[in-house]
Amino acid sequence: MKKIAEIKGVNGNLIVCEDCLVINRNNFSGILSGFKHKDRVKYYYYKDISHIDYRKPSIWGDGYFRINMPFSTENKEGKIGITGANLAMVKDPHTIVIDSTFFRKKSNEVHTIYKLIMSKMSKAKTSSNTVLNISKNNRLDDLKKLGDLKEMGVLTQEEFELEKQKILNN
């Protein structure tokens, strides 16, 4: 799994990879946001994402990326206002809040990454409709992706072993 881009947010990082997005909260801000160790790294494959709520950081407030999955029943009470993100937005497990402090510098970069993500989602949905996936190959691919995330430093050895067992037990 090759890392293409990364956005450092108030409550963690959004990592853009070839075939998925990773929300990584294995940092100081993720710990301060109150995420439990097992919930600090989440993977979202482009083909599985229903849509992304996005707001560009500006002089008027923070920006954010919120990843929405089909049939998600999680609370969406988070709000971004002039003074920044409220606590619900910062604690949302599917949201990365982008500080507006350096909005001029970050704004164009963040928007370019948003367009890249939308392009990846579009391609994944098109190809997933035309290609049949074989379960065994998917597990091998998932194991490779997991190894790549460990090499990139996104996962610790302990997290790697835990996720590997989940894949092998399916």
N, C-alpha and C. Protein backbone atom coordinates (compact mmCIF):
# COMPACT_ATOMS: atom_id res chain seq x y z
N MET A 1 0.85 -1.16 0.00
CA MET A 1 0.00 0.00 0.00
C MET A 1 0.90 1.23 0.00
N LYS A 2 0.81 1.99 -1.04
CA LYS A 2 1.67 3.16 -1.19
C LYS A 2 0.96 4.43 -0.71
N LYS A 3 1.64 5.17 0.16
CA LYS A 3 1.10 6.44 0.65
C LYS A 3 1.29 7.48 -0.45
N ILE A 4 0.19 8.15 -0.82
CA ILE A 4 0.22 9.17 -1.86
C ILE A 4 0.28 10.56 -1.26
N ALA A 5 -0.51 10.77 -0.21
CA ALA A 5 -0.59 12.09 0.42
C ALA A 5 -1.02 11.92 1.87
N GLU A 6 -0.79 12.97 2.66
CA GLU A 6 -1.20 12.95 4.06
C GLU A 6 -1.60 14.34 4.49
N ILE A 7 -2.66 14.41 5.27
CA ILE A 7 -3.13 15.67 5.84
C ILE A 7 -3.04 15.54 7.34
N LYS A 8 -2.33 16.45 7.97
CA LYS A 8 -2.24 16.46 9.43
C LYS A 8 -3.39 17.31 9.96
N GLY A 9 -4.22 16.68 10.77
CA GLY A 9 -5.38 17.36 11.31
C GLY A 9 -5.26 17.61 12.80
N VAL A 10 -6.25 18.27 13.35
CA VAL A 10 -6.31 18.58 14.77
C VAL A 10 -6.44 17.30 15.59
N ASN A 11 -7.18 16.33 15.08
CA ASN A 11 -7.48 15.11 15.83
C ASN A 11 -6.89 13.85 15.19
N GLY A 12 -5.86 14.00 14.37
CA GLY A 12 -5.21 12.85 13.74
C GLY A 12 -4.80 13.19 12.32
N ASN A 13 -4.40 12.16 11.58
CA ASN A 13 -3.95 12.36 10.20
C ASN A 13 -4.81 11.54 9.25
N LEU A 14 -5.03 12.09 8.07
CA LEU A 14 -5.71 11.37 6.99
C LEU A 14 -4.64 11.01 5.97
N ILE A 15 -4.46 9.71 5.76
CA ILE A 15 -3.45 9.22 4.82
C ILE A 15 -4.18 8.70 3.58
N VAL A 16 -3.77 9.21 2.44
CA VAL A 16 -4.34 8.79 1.16
C VAL A 16 -3.40 7.75 0.56
N CYS A 17 -3.92 6.54 0.34
CA CYS A 17 -3.15 5.45 -0.27
C CYS A 17 -3.76 5.11 -1.61
N GLU A 18 -3.13 4.19 -2.33
CA GLU A 18 -3.61 3.80 -3.66
C GLU A 18 -5.04 3.31 -3.64
N ASP A 19 -5.40 2.45 -2.68
CA ASP A 19 -6.73 1.85 -2.71
C ASP A 19 -7.56 2.09 -1.45
N CYS A 20 -7.06 2.93 -0.55
CA CYS A 20 -7.85 3.21 0.65
C CYS A 20 -7.41 4.52 1.30
N LEU A 21 -8.25 4.98 2.21
CA LEU A 21 -7.91 6.09 3.10
C LEU A 21 -7.65 5.49 4.48
N VAL A 22 -6.73 6.08 5.21
CA VAL A 22 -6.44 5.63 6.57
C VAL A 22 -6.54 6.85 7.48
N ILE A 23 -7.34 6.72 8.53
CA ILE A 23 -7.35 7.73 9.58
C ILE A 23 -6.47 7.18 10.68
N ASN A 24 -5.39 7.90 10.97
CA ASN A 24 -4.40 7.47 11.96
C ASN A 24 -4.40 8.45 13.12
N ARG A 25 -4.71 7.92 14.29
CA ARG A 25 -4.72 8.74 15.49
C ARG A 25 -3.66 8.26 16.48
N ASN A 26 -2.63 7.60 15.98
CA ASN A 26 -1.54 7.15 16.84
C ASN A 26 -0.54 8.28 17.03
N ASN A 27 -1.05 9.39 17.53
CA ASN A 27 -0.21 10.55 17.80
C ASN A 27 -0.80 11.28 19.01
N PHE A 28 -0.13 12.31 19.40
CA PHE A 28 -0.54 13.06 20.60
C PHE A 28 -1.97 13.59 20.49
N SER A 29 -2.31 14.15 19.32
CA SER A 29 -3.66 14.72 19.17
C SER A 29 -4.73 13.63 19.22
N GLY A 30 -4.44 12.44 18.69
CA GLY A 30 -5.39 11.35 18.75
C GLY A 30 -5.63 10.88 20.17
N ILE A 31 -4.57 10.85 20.95
CA ILE A 31 -4.68 10.45 22.35
C ILE A 31 -5.47 11.49 23.13
N LEU A 32 -5.17 12.78 22.89
CA LEU A 32 -5.90 13.86 23.57
C LEU A 32 -7.38 13.87 23.20
N SER A 33 -7.69 13.44 21.98
CA SER A 33 -9.08 13.42 21.54
C SER A 33 -9.87 12.29 22.20
N GLY A 34 -9.18 11.41 22.92
CA GLY A 34 -9.85 10.39 23.70
C GLY A 34 -10.09 9.08 22.98
N PHE A 35 -9.41 8.84 21.87
CA PHE A 35 -9.62 7.59 21.15
C PHE A 35 -8.89 6.45 21.84
N LYS A 36 -9.58 5.32 21.99
CA LYS A 36 -8.97 4.14 22.58
C LYS A 36 -7.94 3.58 21.60
N HIS A 37 -6.98 2.87 22.13
CA HIS A 37 -5.88 2.35 21.32
C HIS A 37 -6.39 1.57 20.10
N LYS A 38 -7.39 0.70 20.30
CA LYS A 38 -7.89 -0.13 19.20
C LYS A 38 -8.63 0.68 18.14
N ASP A 39 -9.05 1.89 18.45
CA ASP A 39 -9.81 2.72 17.50
C ASP A 39 -8.97 3.81 16.84
N ARG A 40 -7.67 3.79 17.05
CA ARG A 40 -6.85 4.89 16.56
C ARG A 40 -6.48 4.79 15.08
N VAL A 41 -6.61 3.62 14.48
CA VAL A 41 -6.32 3.47 13.05
C VAL A 41 -7.54 2.84 12.39
N LYS A 42 -8.08 3.54 11.39
CA LYS A 42 -9.24 3.03 10.65
C LYS A 42 -8.94 3.06 9.17
N TYR A 43 -9.39 2.01 8.47
CA TYR A 43 -9.17 1.88 7.03
C TYR A 43 -10.51 2.01 6.31
N TYR A 44 -10.49 2.75 5.22
CA TYR A 44 -11.69 2.93 4.41
C TYR A 44 -11.32 2.69 2.95
N TYR A 45 -11.80 1.59 2.39
CA TYR A 45 -11.52 1.31 0.98
C TYR A 45 -12.45 2.15 0.12
N TYR A 46 -11.89 2.75 -0.92
CA TYR A 46 -12.64 3.68 -1.76
C TYR A 46 -13.96 3.09 -2.25
N LYS A 47 -13.95 1.82 -2.62
CA LYS A 47 -15.15 1.18 -3.17
C LYS A 47 -16.27 1.08 -2.13
N ASP A 48 -15.92 1.15 -0.84
CA ASP A 48 -16.91 1.00 0.23
C ASP A 48 -17.44 2.34 0.76
N ILE A 49 -16.82 3.44 0.41
CA ILE A 49 -17.23 4.75 0.93
C ILE A 49 -18.45 5.24 0.16
N SER A 50 -19.49 5.66 0.88
CA SER A 50 -20.67 6.18 0.17
C SER A 50 -20.45 7.62 -0.27
N HIS A 51 -19.91 8.46 0.60
CA HIS A 51 -19.55 9.82 0.21
C HIS A 51 -18.67 10.45 1.29
N ILE A 52 -18.12 11.61 0.95
CA ILE A 52 -17.27 12.33 1.89
C ILE A 52 -17.84 13.73 2.09
N ASP A 53 -18.05 14.09 3.34
CA ASP A 53 -18.41 15.48 3.66
C ASP A 53 -17.08 16.23 3.78
N TYR A 54 -17.02 17.38 3.16
CA TYR A 54 -15.75 18.10 3.09
C TYR A 54 -16.00 19.59 3.24
N ARG A 55 -15.13 20.22 3.98
CA ARG A 55 -15.13 21.68 4.07
C ARG A 55 -13.69 22.14 4.06
N LYS A 56 -13.42 23.07 3.18
CA LYS A 56 -12.09 23.63 3.02
C LYS A 56 -11.80 24.57 4.20
N PRO A 57 -10.60 24.51 4.79
CA PRO A 57 -10.28 25.46 5.87
C PRO A 57 -10.24 26.88 5.31
N SER A 58 -10.73 27.82 6.08
CA SER A 58 -10.75 29.21 5.61
C SER A 58 -10.55 30.14 6.79
N ILE A 59 -10.55 31.40 6.49
CA ILE A 59 -10.42 32.41 7.55
C ILE A 59 -11.61 32.34 8.51
N TRP A 60 -12.72 31.80 8.04
CA TRP A 60 -13.95 31.74 8.84
C TRP A 60 -14.05 30.50 9.70
N GLY A 61 -13.15 29.54 9.52
CA GLY A 61 -13.23 28.36 10.37
C GLY A 61 -12.43 27.19 9.87
N ASP A 62 -12.38 26.18 10.71
CA ASP A 62 -11.65 24.96 10.40
C ASP A 62 -12.30 24.24 9.23
N GLY A 63 -11.53 23.38 8.60
CA GLY A 63 -12.06 22.51 7.57
C GLY A 63 -12.16 21.10 8.11
N TYR A 64 -12.70 20.20 7.32
CA TYR A 64 -12.78 18.81 7.77
C TYR A 64 -13.03 17.86 6.61
N PHE A 65 -12.71 16.61 6.84
CA PHE A 65 -13.08 15.49 5.99
C PHE A 65 -13.87 14.54 6.88
N ARG A 66 -15.07 14.17 6.47
CA ARG A 66 -15.85 13.15 7.20
C ARG A 66 -16.17 12.04 6.22
N ILE A 67 -15.72 10.84 6.53
CA ILE A 67 -15.92 9.68 5.66
C ILE A 67 -17.23 9.01 6.05
N ASN A 68 -18.13 8.88 5.09
CA ASN A 68 -19.44 8.28 5.34
C ASN A 68 -19.52 6.91 4.68
N MET A 69 -19.90 5.93 5.46
CA MET A 69 -20.04 4.56 4.97
C MET A 69 -21.53 4.26 4.79
N PRO A 70 -21.86 3.35 3.86
CA PRO A 70 -23.28 3.01 3.68
C PRO A 70 -23.87 2.45 4.96
N PHE A 71 -25.09 2.84 5.24
CA PHE A 71 -25.85 2.35 6.38
C PHE A 71 -25.22 2.68 7.72
N SER A 72 -24.39 3.71 7.76
CA SER A 72 -23.78 4.12 9.01
C SER A 72 -24.84 4.74 9.91
N THR A 73 -24.89 4.31 11.15
CA THR A 73 -25.88 4.83 12.10
C THR A 73 -25.23 5.69 13.17
N GLU A 74 -23.97 6.04 12.96
CA GLU A 74 -23.26 6.79 13.99
C GLU A 74 -23.75 8.23 14.05
N ASN A 75 -23.58 8.82 15.19
CA ASN A 75 -24.01 10.18 15.47
C ASN A 75 -23.23 11.18 14.61
N LYS A 76 -23.95 12.14 14.00
CA LYS A 76 -23.31 13.15 13.17
C LYS A 76 -23.62 14.54 13.72
N GLU A 77 -23.40 14.74 15.01
CA GLU A 77 -23.73 16.01 15.64
C GLU A 77 -22.60 17.03 15.56
N GLY A 78 -21.48 16.67 14.99
CA GLY A 78 -20.34 17.57 14.94
C GLY A 78 -20.62 18.79 14.09
N LYS A 79 -20.16 19.92 14.53
CA LYS A 79 -20.35 21.19 13.81
C LYS A 79 -19.03 21.94 13.78
N ILE A 80 -18.86 22.71 12.71
CA ILE A 80 -17.70 23.60 12.59
C ILE A 80 -18.26 25.02 12.52
N GLY A 81 -17.76 25.88 13.38
CA GLY A 81 -18.21 27.26 13.37
C GLY A 81 -17.04 28.21 13.25
N ILE A 82 -17.28 29.48 13.47
CA ILE A 82 -16.24 30.48 13.35
C ILE A 82 -15.12 30.22 14.36
N THR A 83 -15.47 29.73 15.53
CA THR A 83 -14.45 29.50 16.55
C THR A 83 -13.77 28.13 16.42
N GLY A 84 -14.16 27.33 15.45
CA GLY A 84 -13.53 26.04 15.25
C GLY A 84 -14.50 24.90 15.39
N ALA A 85 -13.96 23.70 15.52
CA ALA A 85 -14.77 22.48 15.60
C ALA A 85 -15.26 22.27 17.02
N ASN A 86 -16.51 21.78 17.14
CA ASN A 86 -16.97 21.44 18.47
C ASN A 86 -16.43 20.06 18.85
N LEU A 87 -16.59 19.69 20.10
CA LEU A 87 -16.02 18.46 20.63
C LEU A 87 -16.55 17.22 19.91
N ALA A 88 -17.83 17.24 19.52
CA ALA A 88 -18.41 16.08 18.82
C ALA A 88 -17.70 15.86 17.49
N MET A 89 -17.33 16.91 16.79
CA MET A 89 -16.64 16.78 15.50
C MET A 89 -15.22 16.23 15.72
N VAL A 90 -14.54 16.72 16.73
CA VAL A 90 -13.19 16.27 17.01
C VAL A 90 -13.18 14.80 17.44
N LYS A 91 -14.23 14.36 18.14
CA LYS A 91 -14.29 12.98 18.63
C LYS A 91 -14.95 12.01 17.65
N ASP A 92 -15.47 12.51 16.54
CA ASP A 92 -16.10 11.63 15.55
C ASP A 92 -15.03 10.70 14.96
N PRO A 93 -15.23 9.38 15.01
CA PRO A 93 -14.19 8.45 14.54
C PRO A 93 -13.94 8.49 13.05
N HIS A 94 -14.83 9.10 12.28
CA HIS A 94 -14.70 9.14 10.82
C HIS A 94 -14.31 10.52 10.30
N THR A 95 -13.92 11.43 11.20
CA THR A 95 -13.66 12.81 10.81
C THR A 95 -12.25 13.24 11.18
N ILE A 96 -11.63 13.96 10.25
CA ILE A 96 -10.36 14.64 10.52
C ILE A 96 -10.64 16.14 10.40
N VAL A 97 -10.36 16.88 11.45
CA VAL A 97 -10.56 18.33 11.47
C VAL A 97 -9.24 19.01 11.10
N ILE A 98 -9.32 19.97 10.19
CA ILE A 98 -8.13 20.66 9.70
C ILE A 98 -8.14 22.09 10.23
N ASP A 99 -7.15 22.41 11.02
CA ASP A 99 -7.03 23.73 11.66
C ASP A 99 -6.95 24.84 10.61
N SER A 100 -7.64 25.92 10.87
CA SER A 100 -7.66 27.04 9.92
C SER A 100 -6.53 28.05 10.15
N THR A 101 -5.65 27.79 11.12
CA THR A 101 -4.60 28.74 11.47
C THR A 101 -3.77 29.14 10.25
N PHE A 102 -3.40 28.17 9.45
CA PHE A 102 -2.60 28.44 8.26
C PHE A 102 -3.42 28.18 7.01
N PHE A 103 -4.67 28.66 7.01
CA PHE A 103 -5.62 28.30 5.96
C PHE A 103 -5.13 28.66 4.57
N ARG A 104 -4.42 29.76 4.42
CA ARG A 104 -3.99 30.15 3.06
C ARG A 104 -3.04 29.10 2.47
N LYS A 105 -2.14 28.62 3.29
CA LYS A 105 -1.18 27.62 2.84
C LYS A 105 -1.86 26.26 2.65
N LYS A 106 -2.69 25.88 3.61
CA LYS A 106 -3.30 24.55 3.60
C LYS A 106 -4.48 24.43 2.65
N SER A 107 -5.20 25.49 2.44
CA SER A 107 -6.46 25.43 1.73
C SER A 107 -6.35 24.78 0.35
N ASN A 108 -5.41 25.24 -0.47
CA ASN A 108 -5.26 24.68 -1.80
C ASN A 108 -4.75 23.24 -1.76
N GLU A 109 -3.83 22.97 -0.84
CA GLU A 109 -3.30 21.61 -0.69
C GLU A 109 -4.42 20.65 -0.30
N VAL A 110 -5.23 21.04 0.66
CA VAL A 110 -6.33 20.20 1.13
C VAL A 110 -7.34 19.97 0.01
N HIS A 111 -7.64 21.01 -0.75
CA HIS A 111 -8.62 20.88 -1.84
C HIS A 111 -8.08 19.95 -2.94
N THR A 112 -6.81 20.02 -3.23
CA THR A 112 -6.20 19.12 -4.21
C THR A 112 -6.30 17.67 -3.74
N ILE A 113 -6.07 17.45 -2.48
CA ILE A 113 -6.18 16.09 -1.93
C ILE A 113 -7.63 15.62 -1.97
N TYR A 114 -8.57 16.51 -1.70
CA TYR A 114 -9.99 16.15 -1.79
C TYR A 114 -10.33 15.69 -3.22
N LYS A 115 -9.86 16.42 -4.22
CA LYS A 115 -10.13 16.04 -5.61
C LYS A 115 -9.49 14.69 -5.93
N LEU A 116 -8.30 14.44 -5.41
CA LEU A 116 -7.63 13.15 -5.60
C LEU A 116 -8.46 12.02 -4.99
N ILE A 117 -8.96 12.22 -3.79
CA ILE A 117 -9.78 11.21 -3.12
C ILE A 117 -11.05 10.93 -3.93
N MET A 118 -11.70 11.98 -4.41
CA MET A 118 -12.92 11.80 -5.19
C MET A 118 -12.63 11.02 -6.47
N SER A 119 -11.50 11.28 -7.09
CA SER A 119 -11.10 10.55 -8.30
C SER A 119 -10.86 9.08 -7.98
N LYS A 120 -10.17 8.81 -6.88
CA LYS A 120 -9.91 7.43 -6.46
C LYS A 120 -11.22 6.69 -6.16
N MET A 121 -12.15 7.37 -5.51
CA MET A 121 -13.45 6.74 -5.21
C MET A 121 -14.20 6.40 -6.49
N SER A 122 -14.20 7.31 -7.42
CA SER A 122 -14.89 7.10 -8.69
C SER A 122 -14.30 5.91 -9.45
N LYS A 123 -12.98 5.85 -9.53
CA LYS A 123 -12.31 4.74 -10.22
C LYS A 123 -12.58 3.41 -9.52
N ALA A 124 -12.54 3.41 -8.20
CA ALA A 124 -12.76 2.17 -7.44
C ALA A 124 -14.17 1.64 -7.63
N LYS A 125 -15.14 2.53 -7.63
CA LYS A 125 -16.53 2.10 -7.79
C LYS A 125 -16.76 1.58 -9.21
N THR A 126 -16.13 2.19 -10.19
CA THR A 126 -16.26 1.73 -11.58
C THR A 126 -15.62 0.36 -11.75
N SER A 127 -14.41 0.19 -11.23
CA SER A 127 -13.72 -1.09 -11.40
C SER A 127 -14.34 -2.19 -10.54
N SER A 128 -14.90 -1.86 -9.38
CA SER A 128 -15.49 -2.90 -8.53
C SER A 128 -16.78 -3.44 -9.14
N ASN A 129 -17.40 -2.67 -10.03
CA ASN A 129 -18.60 -3.14 -10.70
C ASN A 129 -18.26 -4.09 -11.84
N THR A 130 -17.04 -4.08 -12.33
CA THR A 130 -16.69 -4.89 -13.49
C THR A 130 -15.77 -6.06 -13.17
N VAL A 131 -15.20 -6.10 -11.98
CA VAL A 131 -14.25 -7.16 -11.65
C VAL A 131 -14.81 -8.00 -10.51
N LEU A 132 -14.75 -9.32 -10.68
CA LEU A 132 -15.17 -10.21 -9.58
C LEU A 132 -13.99 -10.42 -8.65
N ASN A 133 -14.22 -10.25 -7.37
CA ASN A 133 -13.15 -10.45 -6.39
C ASN A 133 -13.23 -11.85 -5.83
N ILE A 134 -12.10 -12.51 -5.71
CA ILE A 134 -12.03 -13.84 -5.13
C ILE A 134 -11.55 -13.70 -3.69
N SER A 135 -12.26 -14.34 -2.77
CA SER A 135 -12.01 -14.16 -1.34
C SER A 135 -10.55 -14.39 -0.95
N LYS A 136 -9.95 -15.46 -1.45
CA LYS A 136 -8.57 -15.78 -1.08
C LYS A 136 -7.62 -14.68 -1.52
N ASN A 137 -7.81 -14.16 -2.73
CA ASN A 137 -6.96 -13.07 -3.22
C ASN A 137 -7.15 -11.81 -2.39
N ASN A 138 -8.37 -11.55 -1.96
CA ASN A 138 -8.63 -10.37 -1.13
C ASN A 138 -7.87 -10.46 0.19
N ARG A 139 -7.83 -11.65 0.78
CA ARG A 139 -7.10 -11.80 2.05
C ARG A 139 -5.60 -11.57 1.84
N LEU A 140 -5.08 -12.08 0.75
CA LEU A 140 -3.66 -11.87 0.46
C LEU A 140 -3.37 -10.38 0.24
N ASP A 141 -4.27 -9.72 -0.49
CA ASP A 141 -4.11 -8.28 -0.72
C ASP A 141 -4.18 -7.51 0.59
N ASP A 142 -5.13 -7.90 1.45
CA ASP A 142 -5.27 -7.22 2.74
C ASP A 142 -4.02 -7.40 3.60
N LEU A 143 -3.44 -8.61 3.57
CA LEU A 143 -2.21 -8.86 4.33
C LEU A 143 -1.06 -8.01 3.80
N LYS A 144 -0.97 -7.88 2.47
CA LYS A 144 0.08 -7.05 1.88
C LYS A 144 -0.10 -5.58 2.29
N LYS A 145 -1.33 -5.11 2.24
CA LYS A 145 -1.62 -3.72 2.61
C LYS A 145 -1.27 -3.48 4.08
N LEU A 146 -1.58 -4.47 4.90
CA LEU A 146 -1.29 -4.37 6.32
C LEU A 146 0.23 -4.26 6.54
N GLY A 147 0.99 -5.10 5.82
CA GLY A 147 2.45 -5.05 5.92
C GLY A 147 3.00 -3.71 5.47
N ASP A 148 2.40 -3.15 4.41
CA ASP A 148 2.84 -1.84 3.93
C ASP A 148 2.58 -0.76 4.97
N LEU A 149 1.42 -0.82 5.64
CA LEU A 149 1.11 0.17 6.68
C LEU A 149 2.10 0.06 7.84
N LYS A 150 2.51 -1.16 8.17
CA LYS A 150 3.50 -1.35 9.24
C LYS A 150 4.83 -0.75 8.82
N GLU A 151 5.23 -0.99 7.56
CA GLU A 151 6.48 -0.43 7.06
C GLU A 151 6.47 1.10 7.05
N MET A 152 5.30 1.70 6.76
CA MET A 152 5.19 3.15 6.73
C MET A 152 5.21 3.75 8.13
N GLY A 153 5.07 2.90 9.15
CA GLY A 153 5.08 3.39 10.53
C GLY A 153 3.70 3.76 11.04
N VAL A 154 2.66 3.44 10.28
CA VAL A 154 1.29 3.74 10.70
C VAL A 154 0.85 2.78 11.79
N LEU A 155 1.31 1.51 11.71
CA LEU A 155 0.94 0.49 12.69
C LEU A 155 2.14 0.06 13.53
N THR A 156 1.89 -0.24 14.78
CA THR A 156 2.92 -0.84 15.63
C THR A 156 2.93 -2.35 15.36
N GLN A 157 3.93 -3.05 15.86
CA GLN A 157 3.99 -4.50 15.69
C GLN A 157 2.76 -5.16 16.30
N GLU A 158 2.36 -4.68 17.46
CA GLU A 158 1.19 -5.25 18.16
C GLU A 158 -0.08 -5.06 17.33
N GLU A 159 -0.29 -3.86 16.79
CA GLU A 159 -1.47 -3.60 15.97
C GLU A 159 -1.44 -4.44 14.69
N PHE A 160 -0.24 -4.59 14.12
CA PHE A 160 -0.07 -5.39 12.91
C PHE A 160 -0.50 -6.84 13.17
N GLU A 161 -0.02 -7.41 14.27
CA GLU A 161 -0.35 -8.80 14.60
C GLU A 161 -1.84 -8.98 14.85
N LEU A 162 -2.45 -8.03 15.54
CA LEU A 162 -3.88 -8.09 15.82
C LEU A 162 -4.70 -8.07 14.53
N GLU A 163 -4.40 -7.11 13.65
CA GLU A 163 -5.12 -7.00 12.38
C GLU A 163 -4.86 -8.21 11.48
N LYS A 164 -3.65 -8.74 11.51
CA LYS A 164 -3.30 -9.92 10.71
C LYS A 164 -4.16 -11.12 11.15
N GLN A 165 -4.31 -11.29 12.45
CA GLN A 165 -5.14 -12.40 12.94
C GLN A 165 -6.59 -12.25 12.52
N LYS A 166 -7.10 -11.01 12.53
CA LYS A 166 -8.49 -10.77 12.09
C LYS A 166 -8.67 -11.20 10.64
N ILE A 167 -7.70 -10.85 9.80
CA ILE A 167 -7.78 -11.19 8.38
C ILE A 167 -7.70 -12.71 8.20
N LEU A 168 -6.77 -13.35 8.88
CA LEU A 168 -6.57 -14.79 8.72
C LEU A 168 -7.74 -15.60 9.28
N ASN A 169 -8.45 -15.07 10.27
CA ASN A 169 -9.56 -15.79 10.88
C ASN A 169 -10.87 -15.65 10.09
N ASN A 170 -10.90 -14.75 9.12
CA ASN A 170 -12.12 -14.58 8.31
C ASN A 170 -12.25 -15.65 7.28
